[in-house]
Amino acid sequence: MMATQLRHIDYTIGWICVLPIELAAASKLLEEEHQNLSQPHTDSNTYILGRIADHNVVLACGPEPLIPSTSAAAVAANLLLTFPGIRFALLVGVGSGVPTLQTDIRLGDVVIGTAGRDHGAVVQYHLERTAAGESVQHTGALNVLSNNLLGAMTRLRADQASGQGDFQELLKKASDLVGSSETRRDILFSPAYGHVGESSCDLCDGAYHVIRTSRPNKNPVIHYGLIASGKSVPNEAIARDRLASEIGGVMCFETEAVGMSNAFPCIVIRGIADYGDSHKNRLWLSYAVVMVASYAAWLLEYIPPA
């Protein structure tokens, strides 16, 4: 049952999606759904309105098909015009993880863009091809977060470290969209070994599997660090590792934040759907979408209301 209709100005948080499956997962996490409101004919976004914790939230998704590197920015621009009370946005979707010896990133994990001593939360880049070869050019960064947002993330990380919070309850709410991770095999191949066959890795040689220590449970791990955003993500492991090294400390590659303006506070949150190598497929997409949406809803519980 929907609640009483609110006004456009009453909505203070935008939740930006690019894929319809991301919008579907986010809608499952609404504690209350609100009636739709009018929008200008120039606004092509799809909106679902509702409440999460103490916040009136606008779930926004653009029309398909759009280029990922421009669609999130277009969705954000329309969102701000139609809902002028928006304080900040969550850019929630999937990305390609960068597994390293320092960071044990696995499929289904979540990476939240967080500023470090030597970098912003999200670095925007593009590949420059010259006669001398290919180089990485930094084109900007996203790192404008209020003290309220930074404080909320700190409190969430503290509860996460102490085993508090209800992240698992949120996962259960969205569980009908996706099965357990136990039904999927998380296989990481040696960077030098290329994919064999079509979409699945059935023909790939198991001798090239990277052996990793088993985790104590099947729960996703939340990582905080640098996200790299460009017009495309790597699709070959050696190129992925080279790019990550040149940029420095990258945990995840994605294609949506690259068009976002630094003037608008935005938290970029990515679910790891593949490893950015030649073995990537869509087997983990739905699972990663649900994991990242559940984390975003959990974060909203820590952010003070307007």
Protein backbone atom coordinates (compact mmCIF):
# COMPACT_ATOMS: atom_id res chain seq x y z
CA MET A 1 0.00 0.00 0.00
CA MET A 2 1.40 3.40 -0.97
CA ALA A 3 1.75 6.31 1.45
CA THR A 4 0.28 9.80 1.07
CA GLN A 5 1.67 11.69 -1.90
CA LEU A 6 4.55 14.03 -1.05
CA ARG A 7 5.98 17.03 -2.91
CA HIS A 8 9.02 17.10 -5.16
CA ILE A 9 10.90 19.22 -2.63
CA ASP A 10 10.35 16.59 0.10
CA TYR A 11 12.81 14.17 -1.50
CA THR A 12 16.37 14.70 -0.34
CA ILE A 13 18.39 11.70 -1.56
CA GLY A 14 18.85 10.45 -5.11
CA TRP A 15 19.71 6.81 -5.83
CA ILE A 16 21.00 6.63 -9.40
CA CYS A 17 20.91 3.39 -11.41
CA VAL A 18 21.80 2.68 -15.02
CA LEU A 19 20.49 -0.89 -15.45
CA PRO A 20 16.82 -1.88 -14.94
CA ILE A 21 17.93 -4.79 -12.73
CA GLU A 22 19.64 -2.25 -10.45
CA LEU A 23 16.40 -0.27 -10.18
CA ALA A 24 14.46 -3.46 -9.41
CA ALA A 25 16.86 -4.42 -6.61
CA ALA A 26 16.73 -0.95 -5.07
CA SER A 27 12.91 -0.90 -5.12
CA LYS A 28 12.85 -4.13 -3.09
CA LEU A 29 14.64 -2.31 -0.28
CA LEU A 30 12.15 0.54 0.09
CA GLU A 31 10.47 0.44 3.47
CA GLU A 32 7.55 2.40 2.04
CA GLU A 33 6.65 3.24 -1.56
CA HIS A 34 5.16 6.63 -2.42
CA GLN A 35 2.85 7.77 -5.18
CA ASN A 36 4.44 8.99 -8.38
CA LEU A 37 4.80 12.71 -9.04
CA SER A 38 4.66 14.68 -12.27
CA GLN A 39 7.84 15.32 -14.25
CA PRO A 40 8.72 17.59 -17.19
CA HIS A 41 8.34 16.10 -20.66
CA THR A 42 12.06 16.72 -21.14
CA ASP A 43 12.87 14.41 -18.20
CA SER A 44 13.21 10.89 -19.62
CA ASN A 45 14.14 9.25 -16.30
CA THR A 46 12.10 6.51 -14.67
CA TYR A 47 11.45 7.24 -10.98
CA ILE A 48 10.35 5.14 -8.04
CA LEU A 49 9.69 7.14 -4.87
CA GLY A 50 9.79 5.88 -1.34
CA ARG A 51 11.37 5.87 2.10
CA ILE A 52 14.46 4.13 3.46
CA ALA A 53 15.21 4.72 7.15
CA ASP A 54 14.42 8.41 7.79
CA HIS A 55 14.94 9.52 4.21
CA ASN A 56 12.60 10.22 1.31
CA VAL A 57 14.50 8.68 -1.59
CA VAL A 58 14.18 9.00 -5.36
CA LEU A 59 15.26 5.89 -7.25
CA ALA A 60 16.21 7.11 -10.71
CA CYS A 61 17.08 5.20 -13.88
CA GLY A 62 17.55 6.47 -17.40
CA PRO A 63 16.11 5.02 -20.61
CA GLU A 64 17.92 2.24 -22.43
CA PRO A 65 20.11 2.04 -24.38
CA LEU A 66 22.49 4.78 -23.26
CA ILE A 67 26.27 4.96 -23.17
CA PRO A 68 27.27 4.17 -19.55
CA SER A 69 29.81 7.00 -19.38
CA THR A 70 27.09 9.58 -20.14
CA SER A 71 23.89 7.98 -18.82
CA ALA A 72 24.55 8.47 -15.09
CA ALA A 73 25.35 12.15 -15.63
CA ALA A 74 22.19 12.60 -17.71
CA VAL A 75 20.10 10.85 -15.06
CA ALA A 76 21.60 13.09 -12.37
CA ALA A 77 20.95 16.28 -14.36
CA ASN A 78 17.26 15.44 -14.86
CA LEU A 79 16.94 14.28 -11.25
CA LEU A 80 18.16 17.61 -9.86
CA LEU A 81 15.81 19.61 -12.08
CA THR A 82 12.72 17.58 -11.19
CA PHE A 83 13.54 17.11 -7.49
CA PRO A 84 15.20 20.35 -6.30
CA GLY A 85 15.50 19.17 -2.68
CA ILE A 86 18.11 16.48 -3.43
CA ARG A 87 21.12 16.91 -1.08
CA PHE A 88 23.34 14.21 -2.55
CA ALA A 89 23.20 11.03 -4.60
CA LEU A 90 24.27 7.44 -4.34
CA LEU A 91 25.58 6.08 -7.64
CA VAL A 92 24.85 2.39 -7.16
CA GLY A 93 25.81 -0.29 -9.69
CA VAL A 94 28.39 -2.86 -10.70
CA GLY A 95 32.05 -2.75 -11.63
CA SER A 96 35.14 -4.85 -12.33
CA GLY A 97 37.25 -5.82 -9.33
CA VAL A 98 41.06 -5.69 -9.21
CA PRO A 99 42.29 -8.65 -7.13
CA THR A 100 45.72 -8.12 -5.60
CA LEU A 101 47.84 -9.61 -2.85
CA GLN A 102 46.98 -6.58 -0.73
CA THR A 103 43.21 -6.60 -1.37
CA ASP A 104 41.34 -9.89 -1.57
CA ILE A 105 38.47 -8.74 -3.78
CA ARG A 106 36.02 -11.41 -4.88
CA LEU A 107 32.86 -11.61 -6.97
CA GLY A 108 29.87 -10.28 -5.06
CA ASP A 109 31.98 -8.02 -2.83
CA VAL A 110 31.21 -4.30 -2.57
CA VAL A 111 33.62 -1.40 -3.11
CA ILE A 112 32.75 2.09 -1.90
CA GLY A 113 34.78 4.96 -3.27
CA THR A 114 36.71 6.48 -0.37
CA ALA A 115 39.32 9.23 -0.41
CA GLY A 116 42.81 8.33 0.76
CA ARG A 117 45.90 10.33 1.63
CA ASP A 118 47.09 10.42 -1.98
CA HIS A 119 43.85 10.14 -3.96
CA GLY A 120 40.18 11.07 -4.13
CA ALA A 121 37.32 8.63 -3.85
CA VAL A 122 36.98 8.25 -7.63
CA VAL A 123 39.58 9.08 -10.26
CA GLN A 124 38.42 9.78 -13.79
CA TYR A 125 40.79 8.72 -16.57
CA HIS A 126 41.10 7.98 -20.25
CA LEU A 127 43.68 6.16 -22.33
CA GLU A 128 45.81 8.39 -24.53
CA ARG A 129 47.27 6.66 -27.58
CA THR A 130 50.35 8.26 -29.11
CA ALA A 131 53.16 7.18 -31.42
CA ALA A 132 55.16 6.26 -28.34
CA GLY A 133 52.45 3.95 -27.05
CA GLU A 134 49.50 4.12 -24.68
CA SER A 135 49.42 6.16 -21.47
CA VAL A 136 46.84 6.90 -18.77
CA GLN A 137 45.63 10.49 -18.48
CA HIS A 138 43.82 11.66 -15.33
CA THR A 139 40.86 13.87 -16.24
CA GLY A 140 39.36 14.62 -12.83
CA ALA A 141 38.16 13.23 -9.53
CA LEU A 142 35.00 12.94 -7.44
CA ASN A 143 35.55 13.69 -3.78
CA VAL A 144 33.02 16.28 -2.57
CA LEU A 145 31.37 14.78 0.52
CA SER A 146 29.93 16.61 3.51
CA ASN A 147 31.01 15.94 7.08
CA ASN A 148 27.65 14.28 7.66
CA LEU A 149 28.32 11.75 4.90
CA LEU A 150 31.89 11.11 6.01
CA GLY A 151 30.73 10.69 9.58
CA ALA A 152 28.03 8.25 8.56
CA MET A 153 30.55 6.13 6.68
CA THR A 154 32.86 6.13 9.70
CA ARG A 155 30.08 4.95 12.02
CA LEU A 156 29.03 2.24 9.58
CA ARG A 157 32.62 0.98 9.28
CA ALA A 158 32.91 0.88 13.06
CA ASP A 159 29.72 -1.18 13.38
CA GLN A 160 30.86 -3.40 10.53
CA ALA A 161 34.18 -4.05 12.28
CA SER A 162 32.40 -4.95 15.52
CA GLY A 163 29.82 -7.17 13.82
CA GLN A 164 26.88 -4.84 14.47
CA GLY A 165 24.26 -3.53 12.07
CA ASP A 166 21.60 -5.31 10.05
CA PHE A 167 23.25 -5.75 6.65
CA GLN A 168 22.14 -9.38 6.58
CA GLU A 169 18.51 -8.39 7.14
CA LEU A 170 18.68 -6.11 4.12
CA LEU A 171 20.16 -8.94 2.04
CA LYS A 172 17.17 -11.12 2.96
CA LYS A 173 14.73 -8.45 1.74
CA ALA A 174 16.21 -8.57 -1.76
CA SER A 175 16.96 -12.31 -1.81
CA ASP A 176 14.04 -13.20 -4.09
CA LEU A 177 15.86 -11.44 -6.95
CA VAL A 178 18.90 -13.66 -6.78
CA GLY A 179 20.02 -17.02 -5.47
CA SER A 180 22.80 -17.76 -3.01
CA SER A 181 26.42 -17.22 -3.99
CA GLU A 182 26.90 -20.94 -3.32
CA THR A 183 25.17 -21.68 -6.65
CA ARG A 184 27.96 -19.84 -8.52
CA ARG A 185 31.66 -20.62 -8.78
CA ASP A 186 33.99 -17.70 -8.12
CA ILE A 187 37.00 -18.58 -10.27
CA LEU A 188 39.99 -16.32 -10.71
CA PHE A 189 42.43 -17.20 -13.48
CA SER A 190 46.10 -16.34 -13.74
CA PRO A 191 46.46 -12.96 -15.52
CA ALA A 192 48.51 -14.48 -18.34
CA TYR A 193 45.83 -17.08 -19.20
CA GLY A 194 43.21 -15.96 -21.73
CA HIS A 195 39.64 -17.15 -22.04
CA VAL A 196 38.79 -20.24 -24.11
CA GLY A 197 35.32 -20.85 -25.54
CA GLU A 198 32.22 -18.68 -25.58
CA SER A 199 30.40 -17.15 -22.59
CA SER A 200 31.18 -19.76 -19.95
CA CYS A 201 34.59 -20.92 -18.75
CA ASP A 202 33.77 -24.63 -19.16
CA LEU A 203 36.63 -25.02 -21.66
CA CYS A 204 39.15 -22.98 -19.69
CA ASP A 205 42.02 -24.94 -18.16
CA GLY A 206 41.64 -25.42 -14.40
CA ALA A 207 45.41 -25.63 -14.04
CA TYR A 208 45.43 -21.83 -14.32
CA HIS A 209 43.06 -21.20 -11.41
CA VAL A 210 44.47 -18.89 -8.74
CA ILE A 211 44.24 -20.70 -5.40
CA ARG A 212 42.81 -18.45 -2.68
CA THR A 213 42.17 -19.05 1.00
CA SER A 214 38.55 -19.92 1.77
CA ARG A 215 36.58 -17.30 3.60
CA PRO A 216 34.91 -18.22 6.91
CA ASN A 217 31.45 -17.59 5.42
CA LYS A 218 29.71 -16.72 2.14
CA ASN A 219 28.97 -13.11 3.09
CA PRO A 220 30.29 -10.37 0.80
CA VAL A 221 33.19 -8.26 2.05
CA ILE A 222 32.93 -4.46 2.00
CA HIS A 223 36.05 -2.67 0.73
CA TYR A 224 36.82 1.05 0.99
CA GLY A 225 39.23 2.62 -1.47
CA LEU A 226 39.89 4.07 -4.90
CA ILE A 227 37.53 3.53 -7.84
CA ALA A 228 38.70 4.31 -11.39
CA SER A 229 36.09 5.52 -13.88
CA GLY A 230 36.61 5.68 -17.64
CA LYS A 231 34.73 5.24 -20.89
CA SER A 232 35.46 1.51 -20.81
CA VAL A 233 36.71 -1.07 -18.33
CA PRO A 234 39.59 -3.47 -18.97
CA ASN A 235 38.71 -6.81 -20.54
CA GLU A 236 42.13 -8.41 -20.23
CA ALA A 237 43.89 -9.12 -16.94
CA ILE A 238 47.37 -7.87 -17.83
CA ALA A 239 45.94 -4.56 -19.07
CA ARG A 240 43.78 -4.36 -15.92
CA ASP A 241 46.77 -4.77 -13.63
CA ARG A 242 48.88 -2.32 -15.62
CA LEU A 243 46.16 0.33 -15.52
CA ALA A 244 45.56 -0.19 -11.82
CA SER A 245 49.28 0.16 -11.14
CA GLU A 246 49.69 3.31 -13.24
CA ILE A 247 46.71 5.01 -11.61
CA GLY A 248 47.73 3.68 -8.21
CA GLY A 249 45.82 1.56 -5.72
CA VAL A 250 42.67 0.96 -7.78
CA MET A 251 40.20 -1.53 -6.30
CA CYS A 252 37.55 -1.33 -9.00
CA PHE A 253 36.98 -0.08 -12.56
CA GLU A 254 33.63 1.27 -13.75
CA THR A 255 32.17 3.45 -16.52
CA GLU A 256 29.39 5.55 -14.97
CA ALA A 257 30.96 8.09 -12.59
CA VAL A 258 33.21 9.48 -15.32
CA GLY A 259 30.54 11.93 -16.46
CA MET A 260 29.44 13.13 -13.03
CA SER A 261 30.16 16.69 -11.93
CA ASN A 262 32.31 17.31 -8.87
CA ALA A 263 29.92 20.10 -7.87
CA PHE A 264 27.29 17.55 -6.86
CA PRO A 265 28.02 15.34 -3.80
CA CYS A 266 27.92 11.72 -4.93
CA ILE A 267 28.93 8.47 -3.24
CA VAL A 268 29.98 5.82 -5.77
CA ILE A 269 29.25 2.25 -4.67
CA ARG A 270 30.06 -0.75 -6.87
CA GLY A 271 29.21 -4.43 -6.63
CA ILE A 272 31.92 -6.66 -8.12
CA ALA A 273 30.41 -8.55 -11.05
CA ASP A 274 33.64 -9.62 -12.79
CA TYR A 275 37.42 -9.28 -12.64
CA GLY A 276 37.91 -7.09 -15.70
CA ASP A 277 39.59 -9.94 -17.60
CA SER A 278 38.83 -12.01 -20.69
CA HIS A 279 36.81 -14.47 -18.56
CA LYS A 280 34.14 -11.92 -17.63
CA ASN A 281 30.49 -12.93 -18.11
CA ARG A 282 27.10 -12.10 -16.60
CA LEU A 283 26.81 -15.03 -14.19
CA TRP A 284 27.48 -12.86 -11.13
CA LEU A 285 25.67 -9.72 -12.33
CA SER A 286 22.38 -10.16 -10.48
CA TYR A 287 24.11 -11.28 -7.28
CA ALA A 288 26.47 -8.27 -7.33
CA VAL A 289 23.52 -5.93 -7.96
CA VAL A 290 21.68 -7.19 -4.88
CA MET A 291 24.80 -6.99 -2.70
CA VAL A 292 25.57 -3.39 -3.64
CA ALA A 293 21.94 -2.27 -3.29
CA SER A 294 21.75 -3.80 0.18
CA TYR A 295 24.91 -2.01 1.25
CA ALA A 296 23.59 1.34 -0.06
CA ALA A 297 20.37 0.92 1.92
CA TRP A 298 22.42 0.06 5.01
CA LEU A 299 24.49 3.23 4.60
CA LEU A 300 21.32 5.36 4.52
CA GLU A 301 20.48 4.17 8.02
CA TYR A 302 23.58 5.99 9.29
CA ILE A 303 23.03 9.31 7.51
CA PRO A 304 21.16 11.97 9.53
CA PRO A 305 17.89 13.12 7.94
CA ALA A 306 17.61 16.56 6.41
